[in-house]
């Protein structure tokens, strides 16, 4: 809801709902619509009750003037009953005891007291009102039967209107509690939505890293070979590149660049999809061999050991096949970046009912002479999260001069 609509709606609510405070709040237009008739009704009804009481029990003009003065003060105090309900109720106790014209104002004061003040404070004040009204009836009518009837009526009078105010208080507190719960639920929903969006962005970032890092590393290998051979030719220390070799290398670079753009386009298409589009085909175990061939074509020596049964591997869950493919892709990419020219061993092993093991190993370069690659390690962190989401475990590190990347994924028997 926009700010303009919210402000307009606030005008149509009581102050307790508009400000969220049961005891202290500023009037809204709806409150003015209620308070003006309440004040006018208290004045008119107070005058009617006073006239009836004076006809039944004649009083002196001085007492009538005192009655009207106290009644006027009680009616005027109604304008502050919302902000200071307890103070207004306490100050009106003498008026309720000595003035018949204040009886109508006492209705609004009693309702406001029960509606806005907790019981531990409002009940003692209610007792003062009932005692004041009872003593007033006995003073005016004397200890006759009519006097006791008036006391009973006054007790019922205050109890009924106090119960009405208590019911209004309970209802408003309940509504305010519902509003707070709704706001809390809305905030929780927004937080969950933000977490979901962040998780989706992280997943897309991992996917883009896996896709682009592999392709760009291939481009870097081919471009580096061109630069190296060209420098050798210029220095006269080696054979130059023939036109066919330059054309072949340029074609490989072009094809890998196009492939990188296509794969990036697939990832972005999923990002922009509204839920009705079709996701691009995901890598499968059968494409691991093609991945190895691409690395070999780029000049990276790779030994590939496939210990899987082809049909059984193809029956793996698509998510697991994609994760296994990404492990091999990340291992080859890291070897090209951090240990260029070294021989890489890729091994696939496992049987249904046990675990699928994907291992990529290469000689670890000397840490001092290893090339410094910006952002190194981010791909392994994202890969570890991907493997953990599939219920597996990822291990990587140096040992005996070899850097090994190994993933174990659960392979459920069908």
Protein backbone atom coordinates (compact mmCIF):
# COMPACT_ATOMS: atom_id res chain seq x y z
CA UNK A 1 0.00 0.00 0.00
CA UNK A 2 1.36 3.39 -0.97
CA UNK A 3 1.98 6.22 1.47
CA UNK A 4 -0.97 8.21 0.16
CA UNK A 5 -3.40 5.35 0.57
CA UNK A 6 -1.99 4.54 4.01
CA UNK A 7 -2.47 8.15 5.14
CA UNK A 8 -6.04 8.18 3.84
CA UNK A 9 -6.79 4.88 5.59
CA UNK A 10 -5.36 6.23 8.84
CA UNK A 11 -8.04 8.92 8.80
CA UNK A 12 -10.70 6.23 8.80
CA UNK A 13 -9.29 4.41 11.86
CA UNK A 14 -9.50 5.15 15.58
CA UNK A 15 -6.34 6.59 17.06
CA UNK A 16 -5.59 3.29 18.82
CA UNK A 17 -5.37 1.55 15.44
CA UNK A 18 -3.75 4.39 13.53
CA UNK A 19 -0.94 4.93 16.07
CA UNK A 20 -0.83 1.47 17.63
CA UNK A 21 -1.09 2.86 21.18
CA UNK A 22 -4.10 2.08 23.34
CA UNK A 23 -3.41 4.69 26.02
CA UNK A 24 -1.76 7.73 24.40
CA UNK A 25 -2.57 8.77 20.86
CA UNK A 26 -3.69 11.79 18.89
CA UNK A 27 -7.20 12.05 17.55
CA UNK A 28 -7.99 11.06 14.04
CA UNK A 29 -10.93 12.52 12.07
CA UNK A 30 -12.96 9.46 13.07
CA UNK A 31 -12.29 10.24 16.74
CA UNK A 32 -13.55 13.80 16.23
CA UNK A 33 -16.68 12.43 14.60
CA UNK A 34 -17.26 10.37 17.76
CA UNK A 35 -16.13 12.87 20.43
CA UNK A 36 -18.23 15.83 19.30
CA UNK A 37 -21.58 13.94 19.60
CA UNK A 38 -20.40 12.37 22.87
CA UNK A 39 -19.70 15.80 24.35
CA UNK A 40 -22.99 17.23 23.09
CA UNK A 41 -24.94 14.20 24.29
CA UNK A 42 -23.29 14.36 27.72
CA UNK A 43 -24.30 18.02 28.10
CA UNK A 44 -27.91 17.51 26.99
CA UNK A 45 -28.44 14.24 28.89
CA UNK A 46 -26.82 15.73 31.98
CA UNK A 47 -29.25 18.65 31.93
CA UNK A 48 -32.21 16.29 31.50
CA UNK A 49 -31.09 14.07 34.39
CA UNK A 50 -30.46 17.11 36.61
CA UNK A 51 -33.92 18.50 35.86
CA UNK A 52 -35.58 15.19 36.67
CA UNK A 53 -33.61 14.89 39.92
CA UNK A 54 -34.47 18.44 41.01
CA UNK A 55 -38.17 17.79 40.38
CA UNK A 56 -38.02 14.60 42.43
CA UNK A 57 -35.96 16.06 45.27
CA UNK A 58 -36.01 19.86 45.46
CA UNK A 59 -32.62 21.45 46.14
CA UNK A 60 -31.53 25.00 46.79
CA UNK A 61 -30.41 27.32 43.97
CA UNK A 62 -26.89 27.24 45.39
CA UNK A 63 -26.78 23.47 45.16
CA UNK A 64 -28.20 23.65 41.65
CA UNK A 65 -25.41 26.04 40.62
CA UNK A 66 -22.79 23.75 42.18
CA UNK A 67 -24.38 20.78 40.40
CA UNK A 68 -24.23 22.52 37.02
CA UNK A 69 -20.66 23.74 37.58
CA UNK A 70 -19.41 20.26 38.42
CA UNK A 71 -21.36 18.82 35.51
CA UNK A 72 -19.83 21.35 33.12
CA UNK A 73 -16.34 20.50 34.35
CA UNK A 74 -17.06 16.78 33.93
CA UNK A 75 -18.29 17.34 30.37
CA UNK A 76 -15.27 19.49 29.47
CA UNK A 77 -12.92 16.83 30.82
CA UNK A 78 -14.25 14.45 28.14
CA UNK A 79 -11.92 16.13 25.62
CA UNK A 80 -8.89 14.81 27.56
CA UNK A 81 -10.25 11.37 28.41
CA UNK A 82 -8.34 9.73 25.52
CA UNK A 83 -4.88 10.99 26.48
CA UNK A 84 -5.31 11.05 30.27
CA UNK A 85 -8.07 8.57 31.11
CA UNK A 86 -6.94 7.81 34.68
CA UNK A 87 -6.41 11.45 35.65
CA UNK A 88 -9.77 12.51 34.16
CA UNK A 89 -11.52 9.66 36.01
CA UNK A 90 -9.96 10.57 39.36
CA UNK A 91 -10.73 14.29 39.00
CA UNK A 92 -14.34 13.46 38.13
CA UNK A 93 -14.98 11.51 41.36
CA UNK A 94 -16.28 14.61 43.27
CA UNK A 95 -18.56 15.46 40.35
CA UNK A 96 -20.02 11.97 40.37
CA UNK A 97 -20.66 12.25 44.12
CA UNK A 98 -22.21 15.75 44.19
CA UNK A 99 -23.59 16.45 40.69
CA UNK A 100 -26.50 14.81 38.91
CA UNK A 101 -25.70 16.70 35.70
CA UNK A 102 -22.34 14.90 35.56
CA UNK A 103 -23.96 11.46 35.36
CA UNK A 104 -24.02 11.39 31.54
CA UNK A 105 -20.36 12.42 31.36
CA UNK A 106 -19.67 9.62 33.82
CA UNK A 107 -20.80 7.11 31.20
CA UNK A 108 -18.11 8.21 28.73
CA UNK A 109 -15.49 8.54 31.49
CA UNK A 110 -16.23 5.04 32.81
CA UNK A 111 -16.08 3.49 29.34
CA UNK A 112 -12.83 5.32 28.56
CA UNK A 113 -11.35 4.26 31.90
CA UNK A 114 -12.05 0.57 31.27
CA UNK A 115 -10.99 0.86 27.63
CA UNK A 116 -7.61 2.53 28.15
CA UNK A 117 -6.43 1.76 31.69
CA UNK A 118 -5.32 -1.68 32.97
CA UNK A 119 -7.55 -3.37 35.51
CA UNK A 120 -5.15 -2.93 38.43
CA UNK A 121 -5.73 0.82 38.16
CA UNK A 122 -9.24 1.03 36.73
CA UNK A 123 -10.99 -1.27 39.24
CA UNK A 124 -10.10 0.84 42.32
CA UNK A 125 -11.34 3.96 40.51
CA UNK A 126 -14.55 2.12 39.61
CA UNK A 127 -14.97 1.35 43.31
CA UNK A 128 -14.64 5.09 44.09
CA UNK A 129 -17.29 5.89 41.49
CA UNK A 130 -19.72 3.34 42.86
CA UNK A 131 -19.16 4.55 46.44
CA UNK A 132 -19.58 8.18 45.39
CA UNK A 133 -22.78 7.48 43.44
CA UNK A 134 -24.24 5.37 46.29
CA UNK A 135 -23.53 8.01 48.91
CA UNK A 136 -25.02 10.66 46.63
CA UNK A 137 -28.31 8.74 46.31
CA UNK A 138 -28.50 8.12 50.04
CA UNK A 139 -27.78 11.80 50.70
CA UNK A 140 -30.49 12.99 48.33
CA UNK A 141 -33.19 10.37 49.02
CA UNK A 142 -32.29 9.39 52.58
CA UNK A 143 -32.30 5.85 53.99
CA UNK A 144 -35.65 5.06 52.42
CA UNK A 145 -36.52 2.31 50.01
CA UNK A 146 -36.12 4.65 47.04
CA UNK A 147 -32.62 5.53 48.17
CA UNK A 148 -31.49 1.92 48.26
CA UNK A 149 -33.06 1.30 44.86
CA UNK A 150 -31.09 4.24 43.52
CA UNK A 151 -27.89 2.83 44.99
CA UNK A 152 -28.55 -0.52 43.26
CA UNK A 153 -29.28 1.25 39.97
CA UNK A 154 -26.07 3.30 40.22
CA UNK A 155 -24.03 0.17 40.90
CA UNK A 156 -25.54 -1.58 37.88
CA UNK A 157 -25.08 1.63 35.87
CA UNK A 158 -21.32 1.74 36.43
CA UNK A 159 -20.81 -2.01 36.16
CA UNK A 160 -22.59 -2.21 32.80
CA UNK A 161 -20.65 0.62 31.22
CA UNK A 162 -17.37 -0.56 32.74
CA UNK A 163 -18.03 -3.98 31.19
CA UNK A 164 -18.68 -2.30 27.83
CA UNK A 165 -15.36 -0.46 28.04
CA UNK A 166 -13.54 -3.64 29.05
CA UNK A 167 -15.01 -5.46 26.05
CA UNK A 168 -13.86 -2.65 23.74
CA UNK A 169 -10.39 -2.76 25.29
CA UNK A 170 -10.15 -6.53 24.83
CA UNK A 171 -11.28 -6.26 21.23
CA UNK A 172 -8.84 -3.47 20.39
CA UNK A 173 -5.92 -5.22 22.08
CA UNK A 174 -6.80 -8.35 20.12
CA UNK A 175 -6.90 -6.43 16.84
CA UNK A 176 -3.61 -4.71 17.63
CA UNK A 177 -2.06 -8.09 18.44
CA UNK A 178 -3.29 -9.41 15.09
CA UNK A 179 -1.77 -6.41 13.35
CA UNK A 180 1.58 -6.93 15.10
CA UNK A 181 1.51 -10.62 14.18
CA UNK A 182 0.69 -9.71 10.58
CA UNK A 183 3.55 -7.18 10.46
CA UNK A 184 5.93 -9.72 12.00
CA UNK A 185 4.83 -12.33 9.48
CA UNK A 186 5.25 -9.81 6.66
CA UNK A 187 8.76 -9.00 7.89
CA UNK A 188 9.60 -12.72 8.17
CA UNK A 189 8.25 -13.28 4.66
CA UNK A 190 10.37 -10.43 3.31
CA UNK A 191 13.41 -11.83 5.09
CA UNK A 192 12.78 -15.33 3.73
CA UNK A 193 12.27 -13.89 0.26
CA UNK A 194 15.54 -11.96 0.52
CA UNK A 195 17.34 -15.12 1.69
CA UNK A 196 15.86 -17.08 -1.20
CA UNK A 197 16.92 -14.44 -3.70
CA UNK A 198 20.40 -14.32 -2.21
CA UNK A 199 20.68 -18.12 -2.42
CA UNK A 200 19.52 -18.00 -6.04
CA UNK A 201 22.07 -15.30 -6.86
CA UNK A 202 24.82 -17.34 -5.20
CA UNK A 203 23.79 -20.44 -7.16
CA UNK A 204 23.78 -18.47 -10.40
CA UNK A 205 27.16 -16.95 -9.53
CA UNK A 206 28.61 -20.44 -8.95
CA UNK A 207 27.17 -21.63 -12.23
CA UNK A 208 28.57 -18.65 -14.11
CA UNK A 209 31.96 -19.17 -12.47
CA UNK A 210 32.05 -22.84 -13.44
CA UNK A 211 31.00 -22.10 -17.01
CA UNK A 212 33.20 -19.10 -17.72
CA UNK A 213 36.32 -20.12 -15.81
CA UNK A 214 36.70 -23.27 -17.91
CA UNK A 215 36.19 -21.52 -21.24
CA UNK A 216 38.33 -18.52 -20.41
CA UNK A 217 41.15 -20.75 -19.19
CA UNK A 218 41.07 -22.54 -22.56
CA UNK A 219 41.22 -19.19 -24.33
CA UNK A 220 44.15 -18.20 -22.12
CA UNK A 221 46.06 -21.39 -23.01
CA UNK A 222 45.63 -20.90 -26.75
CA UNK A 223 46.39 -17.18 -26.60
CA UNK A 224 49.46 -17.89 -24.44
CA UNK A 225 50.69 -20.44 -26.96
CA UNK A 226 50.36 -17.90 -29.76
CA UNK A 227 52.26 -15.29 -27.79
CA UNK A 228 55.02 -17.76 -26.85
CA UNK A 229 55.52 -19.03 -30.38
CA UNK A 230 55.47 -15.50 -31.76
CA UNK A 231 58.13 -14.37 -29.28
CA UNK A 232 60.28 -17.39 -30.13
CA UNK A 233 60.05 -16.52 -33.82
CA UNK A 234 60.94 -12.88 -33.19
CA UNK A 235 63.90 -13.91 -31.02
CA UNK A 236 65.08 -16.42 -33.67
CA UNK A 237 65.14 -19.23 -31.11
CA UNK A 238 62.38 -21.34 -32.55
CA UNK A 239 60.21 -21.98 -35.56
CA UNK A 240 57.58 -19.44 -36.34
CA UNK A 241 53.90 -20.10 -36.69
CA UNK A 242 52.61 -21.06 -40.06
CA UNK A 243 49.51 -19.48 -41.52
CA UNK A 244 47.59 -22.72 -41.00
CA UNK A 245 48.63 -22.90 -37.33
CA UNK A 246 47.60 -19.29 -36.73
CA UNK A 247 44.27 -19.90 -38.45
CA UNK A 248 43.71 -23.09 -36.43
CA UNK A 249 44.51 -21.39 -33.13
CA UNK A 250 42.33 -18.40 -34.00
CA UNK A 251 39.49 -20.77 -34.88
CA UNK A 252 39.80 -22.60 -31.57
CA UNK A 253 39.82 -19.28 -29.69
CA UNK A 254 36.77 -18.12 -31.64
CA UNK A 255 34.89 -21.38 -31.05
CA UNK A 256 35.60 -21.34 -27.31
CA UNK A 257 34.57 -17.69 -27.06
CA UNK A 258 31.31 -18.47 -28.85
CA UNK A 259 30.77 -21.49 -26.61
CA UNK A 260 31.39 -19.37 -23.51
CA UNK A 261 28.83 -16.82 -24.71
CA UNK A 262 26.29 -19.54 -25.42
CA UNK A 263 26.72 -21.11 -21.99
CA UNK A 264 26.53 -17.71 -20.33
CA UNK A 265 23.39 -16.98 -22.32
CA UNK A 266 21.85 -20.22 -21.01
CA UNK A 267 22.57 -19.24 -17.41
CA UNK A 268 21.20 -15.74 -17.88
CA UNK A 269 18.09 -17.13 -19.59
CA UNK A 270 17.34 -19.11 -16.43
CA UNK A 271 17.93 -15.95 -14.38
CA UNK A 272 15.46 -13.94 -16.47
CA UNK A 273 12.88 -16.73 -16.80
CA UNK A 274 9.48 -16.11 -15.19
CA UNK A 275 9.04 -19.75 -14.24
CA UNK A 276 7.35 -20.76 -17.50
CA UNK A 277 10.48 -21.17 -19.61
CA UNK A 278 12.45 -24.34 -20.21
CA UNK A 279 15.80 -24.70 -18.47
CA UNK A 280 18.77 -25.39 -20.74
CA UNK A 281 20.06 -28.98 -20.88
CA UNK A 282 22.42 -29.76 -18.01
CA UNK A 283 25.83 -31.48 -18.38
CA UNK A 284 25.78 -35.27 -18.00
CA UNK A 285 28.39 -37.91 -17.28
CA UNK A 286 28.73 -38.73 -20.97
CA UNK A 287 30.00 -35.19 -21.59
CA UNK A 288 32.95 -35.56 -19.21
CA UNK A 289 34.91 -37.25 -21.99
CA UNK A 290 34.18 -34.30 -24.30
CA UNK A 291 35.43 -31.99 -21.54
CA UNK A 292 38.69 -33.95 -21.40
CA UNK A 293 39.05 -33.84 -25.18
CA UNK A 294 38.64 -30.05 -25.16
CA UNK A 295 41.42 -29.78 -22.58
CA UNK A 296 43.67 -32.03 -24.66
CA UNK A 297 42.93 -29.96 -27.75
CA UNK A 298 44.09 -26.89 -25.84
CA UNK A 299 47.43 -28.59 -25.19
CA UNK A 300 46.76 -29.78 -21.63
CA UNK A 301 48.03 -33.36 -21.08
CA UNK A 302 45.20 -35.31 -19.45
CA UNK A 303 45.00 -38.99 -18.47
CA UNK A 304 41.37 -40.09 -18.26
CA UNK A 305 40.36 -43.23 -16.33
CA UNK A 306 36.66 -43.99 -16.56
CA UNK A 307 35.77 -46.81 -14.20
CA UNK A 308 32.00 -46.38 -14.50
CA UNK A 309 29.49 -48.52 -16.24
CA UNK A 310 28.07 -46.29 -18.97
CA UNK A 311 24.35 -47.20 -18.67
CA UNK A 312 24.52 -47.13 -14.88
CA UNK A 313 26.22 -43.72 -14.89
CA UNK A 314 23.59 -42.34 -17.25
CA UNK A 315 20.91 -43.45 -14.76
CA UNK A 316 22.32 -41.17 -12.07
CA UNK A 317 20.18 -38.25 -10.97
CA UNK A 318 20.72 -35.29 -13.34
CA UNK A 319 21.78 -33.13 -10.40
CA UNK A 320 24.55 -35.58 -9.45
CA UNK A 321 25.72 -35.87 -13.06
CA UNK A 322 25.97 -32.10 -13.32
CA UNK A 323 27.90 -31.90 -10.03
CA UNK A 324 30.35 -34.59 -11.18
CA UNK A 325 30.84 -32.72 -14.45
CA UNK A 326 31.51 -29.48 -12.56
CA UNK A 327 34.10 -31.18 -10.34
CA UNK A 328 36.07 -32.34 -13.39
CA UNK A 329 35.66 -28.94 -15.03
CA UNK A 330 36.89 -27.09 -11.93
CA UNK A 331 39.85 -29.47 -11.52
CA UNK A 332 41.00 -29.04 -15.11
CA UNK A 333 40.55 -25.28 -14.92
CA UNK A 334 42.56 -24.99 -11.70
CA UNK A 335 45.34 -27.15 -13.15
CA UNK A 336 45.57 -24.90 -16.21
CA UNK A 337 45.67 -21.77 -14.05
CA UNK A 338 47.97 -22.87 -11.23
CA UNK A 339 50.05 -25.65 -12.75
CA UNK A 340 50.17 -25.03 -16.51
CA UNK A 341 51.82 -27.73 -18.59
CA UNK A 342 51.61 -30.44 -15.93
CA UNK A 343 49.92 -33.78 -16.56
CA UNK A 344 46.46 -34.10 -15.03
CA UNK A 345 44.83 -37.39 -14.04
CA UNK A 346 41.02 -37.60 -14.07
CA UNK A 347 39.44 -40.67 -12.47
CA UNK A 348 35.81 -41.71 -12.22
CA UNK A 349 34.86 -44.67 -10.03
CA UNK A 350 31.88 -46.07 -8.19
CA UNK A 351 28.96 -48.46 -8.32
CA UNK A 352 25.26 -48.09 -7.60
CA UNK A 353 24.52 -48.45 -3.90
CA UNK A 354 27.91 -47.11 -2.79
CA UNK A 355 29.35 -43.76 -3.86
CA UNK A 356 30.47 -41.97 -6.99
CA UNK A 357 34.07 -40.79 -6.71
CA UNK A 358 35.38 -38.05 -8.97
CA UNK A 359 39.10 -37.27 -8.65
CA UNK A 360 41.32 -34.78 -10.45
CA UNK A 361 45.03 -34.79 -9.54
CA UNK A 362 48.05 -32.94 -10.87
CA UNK A 363 51.62 -32.28 -9.66
CA UNK A 364 51.52 -29.40 -7.22
CA UNK A 365 53.68 -26.46 -8.35
CA UNK A 366 56.08 -24.76 -6.01
CA UNK A 367 54.09 -22.16 -4.07
CA UNK A 368 56.70 -19.45 -4.66
CA UNK A 369 56.86 -20.01 -8.40
CA UNK A 370 53.15 -20.73 -8.90
CA UNK A 371 51.33 -18.08 -10.94
CA UNK A 372 49.30 -15.58 -8.93
CA UNK A 373 45.72 -15.82 -10.10
CA UNK A 374 43.19 -13.25 -8.79
CA UNK A 375 40.31 -14.77 -6.89
CA UNK A 376 41.96 -18.17 -6.45
CA UNK A 377 39.96 -20.51 -4.24
CA UNK A 378 36.50 -19.05 -4.83
CA UNK A 379 35.61 -21.80 -7.27
CA UNK A 380 36.52 -24.53 -4.78
CA UNK A 381 34.38 -22.92 -2.08
CA UNK A 382 31.39 -22.79 -4.38
CA UNK A 383 32.06 -26.33 -5.57
CA UNK A 384 32.15 -27.57 -1.97
CA UNK A 385 28.75 -26.00 -1.33
CA UNK A 386 27.36 -27.62 -4.48
CA UNK A 387 28.67 -31.06 -3.43
CA UNK A 388 27.31 -30.67 0.11
CA UNK A 389 23.87 -29.79 -1.24
CA UNK A 390 23.91 -33.14 -3.08
CA UNK A 391 24.77 -34.98 0.14
CA UNK A 392 28.41 -35.53 -0.71
CA UNK A 393 31.80 -34.34 0.49
CA UNK A 394 34.61 -32.50 -1.28
CA UNK A 395 38.28 -32.85 -0.35
CA UNK A 396 41.19 -30.95 -1.82
CA UNK A 397 44.76 -30.22 -0.87
CA UNK A 398 48.44 -31.05 -1.34
CA UNK A 399 50.02 -34.34 -0.46
CA UNK A 400 53.30 -35.92 -1.55
CA UNK A 401 53.80 -33.23 -4.18
CA UNK A 402 50.37 -33.74 -5.75
CA UNK A 403 47.33 -31.54 -5.56
CA UNK A 404 44.18 -33.67 -5.43
CA UNK A 405 40.58 -32.64 -5.82
CA UNK A 406 38.24 -35.45 -4.81
CA UNK A 407 34.44 -35.51 -4.53
CA UNK A 408 32.37 -38.35 -3.12
CA UNK A 409 28.68 -38.30 -4.06
CA UNK A 410 25.97 -40.71 -2.89
CA UNK A 411 24.93 -43.18 -5.59
CA UNK A 412 21.63 -44.74 -4.65
CA UNK A 413 20.85 -48.19 -6.05
CA UNK A 414 17.72 -48.36 -8.16
